[in-house]
N, C-alpha and C. Protein backbone atom coordinates (compact mmCIF):
# COMPACT_ATOMS: atom_id res chain seq x y z
N UNK A 1 33.88 19.75 -5.20
CA UNK A 1 33.50 18.08 -5.72
C UNK A 1 32.68 17.42 -4.88
N UNK A 2 31.67 17.34 -5.14
CA UNK A 2 30.88 16.63 -3.72
C UNK A 2 31.45 14.77 -3.70
N UNK A 3 31.34 14.59 -2.46
CA UNK A 3 31.48 13.56 -2.25
C UNK A 3 30.57 12.31 -1.53
N UNK A 4 30.30 11.34 -2.42
CA UNK A 4 29.37 10.65 -2.47
C UNK A 4 29.64 9.32 -2.02
N UNK A 5 30.70 8.88 -2.20
CA UNK A 5 31.43 7.62 -1.55
C UNK A 5 32.69 7.85 -0.81
N UNK A 6 32.61 6.77 -0.29
CA UNK A 6 34.12 7.05 0.83
C UNK A 6 34.47 6.39 0.03
N UNK A 7 34.96 5.47 -0.67
CA UNK A 7 35.97 5.07 -1.85
C UNK A 7 37.04 6.30 -2.76
N UNK A 8 35.94 7.36 -2.41
CA UNK A 8 36.28 8.85 -2.96
C UNK A 8 37.76 9.65 -2.18
N UNK A 9 37.70 9.14 -0.79
CA UNK A 9 38.78 9.55 0.12
C UNK A 9 40.25 8.83 0.16
N UNK A 10 40.55 9.33 0.89
CA UNK A 10 41.98 8.63 0.83
C UNK A 10 41.74 7.99 3.10
N UNK A 11 41.18 7.14 3.36
CA UNK A 11 41.16 6.78 4.63
C UNK A 11 42.73 6.96 5.43
N UNK A 12 43.45 5.96 4.40
CA UNK A 12 45.22 6.08 5.27
C UNK A 12 45.73 7.21 5.10
N UNK A 13 45.50 7.92 4.38
CA UNK A 13 46.92 9.06 4.90
C UNK A 13 45.63 10.70 4.43
N UNK A 14 44.91 10.24 4.13
CA UNK A 14 43.91 11.49 4.22
C UNK A 14 43.87 12.02 5.69
N UNK A 15 43.87 13.30 5.96
CA UNK A 15 43.52 14.50 7.30
C UNK A 15 42.57 15.16 6.90
N UNK A 16 41.30 14.78 7.54
CA UNK A 16 40.24 15.68 7.53
C UNK A 16 39.75 16.74 9.04
N UNK A 17 38.54 17.61 8.17
CA UNK A 17 38.17 18.39 9.44
C UNK A 17 36.43 17.74 9.32
N UNK A 18 36.32 18.52 10.39
CA UNK A 18 34.49 18.70 10.92
C UNK A 18 34.17 18.91 9.68
N UNK A 19 34.93 20.15 9.45
CA UNK A 19 33.86 21.03 7.95
C UNK A 19 33.96 19.90 6.32
N UNK A 20 34.88 19.29 6.46
CA UNK A 20 34.85 18.00 5.91
C UNK A 20 33.95 17.23 5.77
N UNK A 21 33.83 16.57 6.91
CA UNK A 21 32.79 16.10 7.34
C UNK A 21 31.56 16.19 6.72
N UNK A 22 31.02 17.33 7.21
CA UNK A 22 30.10 18.51 7.02
C UNK A 22 29.30 17.61 5.58
N UNK A 23 30.36 18.13 4.81
CA UNK A 23 30.25 18.12 2.57
C UNK A 23 29.87 16.51 3.06
N UNK A 24 30.27 15.66 3.38
CA UNK A 24 30.39 14.56 2.60
C UNK A 24 29.35 13.70 2.66
N UNK A 25 28.67 13.26 1.68
CA UNK A 25 27.10 12.58 1.44
C UNK A 25 26.74 10.95 0.87
N UNK A 26 27.61 10.71 1.39
CA UNK A 26 27.57 9.36 1.49
C UNK A 26 26.64 8.65 2.15
N UNK A 27 26.28 6.89 2.05
CA UNK A 27 25.82 6.49 3.08
C UNK A 27 26.58 5.88 4.33
N UNK A 28 27.61 5.30 4.46
CA UNK A 28 28.65 4.56 5.01
C UNK A 28 28.44 4.74 6.46
N UNK A 29 28.63 4.47 7.65
CA UNK A 29 29.07 5.23 8.73
C UNK A 29 29.99 5.25 9.29
N UNK A 30 30.50 6.43 9.06
CA UNK A 30 31.98 6.91 9.28
C UNK A 30 32.29 7.27 10.34
N UNK A 31 33.19 7.42 11.25
CA UNK A 31 33.53 8.19 12.38
C UNK A 31 34.59 9.31 12.07
N UNK A 32 34.67 10.60 12.19
CA UNK A 32 36.49 10.91 12.26
C UNK A 32 36.56 11.81 13.47
N UNK A 33 37.68 10.74 13.85
CA UNK A 33 38.49 10.79 14.99
C UNK A 33 39.96 11.57 14.86
N UNK A 34 40.82 12.55 15.09
CA UNK A 34 41.90 13.46 14.83
C UNK A 34 42.31 13.55 13.50
N UNK A 35 41.65 14.19 12.83
CA UNK A 35 41.12 13.81 11.18
C UNK A 35 41.55 12.79 10.25
N UNK A 36 41.58 11.88 11.09
CA UNK A 36 41.56 10.34 10.41
C UNK A 36 40.07 9.82 9.89
N UNK A 37 39.83 9.03 9.01
CA UNK A 37 38.85 8.73 8.55
C UNK A 37 38.54 7.02 9.12
N UNK A 38 37.40 6.92 10.12
CA UNK A 38 37.25 5.20 10.51
C UNK A 38 36.04 4.97 9.56
N UNK A 39 35.88 3.53 9.16
CA UNK A 39 34.31 3.48 8.67
C UNK A 39 34.00 2.71 10.38
N UNK A 40 32.65 2.49 10.56
CA UNK A 40 32.06 2.17 11.97
C UNK A 40 31.26 1.05 11.62
N UNK A 41 31.11 0.18 12.61
CA UNK A 41 30.85 -1.55 11.83
C UNK A 41 29.06 -1.16 12.47
N UNK A 42 28.17 -2.02 11.94
CA UNK A 42 26.85 -1.69 12.43
C UNK A 42 26.49 -2.33 13.95
N UNK A 43 25.75 -1.72 14.81
CA UNK A 43 25.98 -2.30 16.36
C UNK A 43 25.47 -3.59 16.50
N UNK A 44 25.87 -3.99 17.26
CA UNK A 44 25.50 -5.50 17.46
C UNK A 44 24.12 -6.23 17.85
N UNK A 45 23.51 -6.70 17.91
CA UNK A 45 21.90 -7.52 18.21
C UNK A 45 22.30 -6.83 19.63
N UNK A 46 23.10 -7.14 20.46
CA UNK A 46 22.75 -7.02 22.02
C UNK A 46 22.91 -5.63 22.20
N UNK A 47 24.04 -5.01 21.30
CA UNK A 47 23.91 -3.59 21.55
C UNK A 47 22.50 -2.68 21.43
N UNK A 48 21.71 -3.50 19.92
CA UNK A 48 20.64 -2.81 19.91
C UNK A 48 19.55 -3.01 21.12
N UNK A 49 19.45 -4.24 22.16
CA UNK A 49 18.52 -5.08 22.63
C UNK A 49 18.91 -3.64 24.02
N UNK A 50 20.33 -3.35 24.32
CA UNK A 50 20.04 -2.82 25.60
C UNK A 50 19.93 -1.31 25.15
N UNK A 51 19.69 -0.71 23.90
CA UNK A 51 19.16 0.32 23.43
C UNK A 51 18.07 0.76 23.80
N UNK A 52 17.17 -0.33 23.10
CA UNK A 52 15.44 -0.75 23.50
C UNK A 52 15.05 -0.75 24.64
N UNK A 53 15.69 -1.41 25.43
CA UNK A 53 15.32 -1.46 26.70
C UNK A 53 15.67 -0.09 27.84
N UNK A 54 16.85 0.61 27.40
CA UNK A 54 16.91 1.66 28.09
C UNK A 54 15.91 2.68 27.54
N UNK A 55 15.64 3.13 26.15
CA UNK A 55 14.95 3.57 26.01
C UNK A 55 13.04 3.52 26.66
N UNK A 56 12.70 2.64 26.20
CA UNK A 56 11.83 2.09 27.10
C UNK A 56 11.86 2.19 28.68
N UNK A 57 12.58 2.07 29.53
CA UNK A 57 13.26 2.07 30.75
C UNK A 57 13.00 4.32 30.31
N UNK A 58 13.31 4.58 29.80
CA UNK A 58 13.22 6.33 29.74
C UNK A 58 12.12 6.58 29.87
N UNK A 59 11.44 6.10 28.83
CA UNK A 59 10.11 6.52 28.07
C UNK A 59 8.85 6.25 29.39
N UNK A 60 9.25 5.35 30.18
CA UNK A 60 8.22 5.26 31.49
C UNK A 60 8.36 5.79 32.36
N UNK A 61 9.70 6.67 32.98
CA UNK A 61 10.13 7.51 33.56
C UNK A 61 9.82 8.54 33.28
N UNK A 62 9.42 9.26 32.02
CA UNK A 62 9.28 10.55 31.96
C UNK A 62 7.51 10.70 31.58
N UNK A 63 6.85 9.62 31.25
CA UNK A 63 5.50 9.70 30.55
C UNK A 63 4.45 9.98 31.67
């Protein structure tokens, strides 16, 4: 059975493997930690700003 929606899983009591994770086809961002499934929040604006600055510095250094 193809998993296309996070609601098809049991995030509280289910225990999942990396092999399971690779088969999931849903758009939500999730993290698999010690067999448990956790929804991930979107990165904050500050996080994205820092990431872009670091990427820009790395680009300038490697250019």
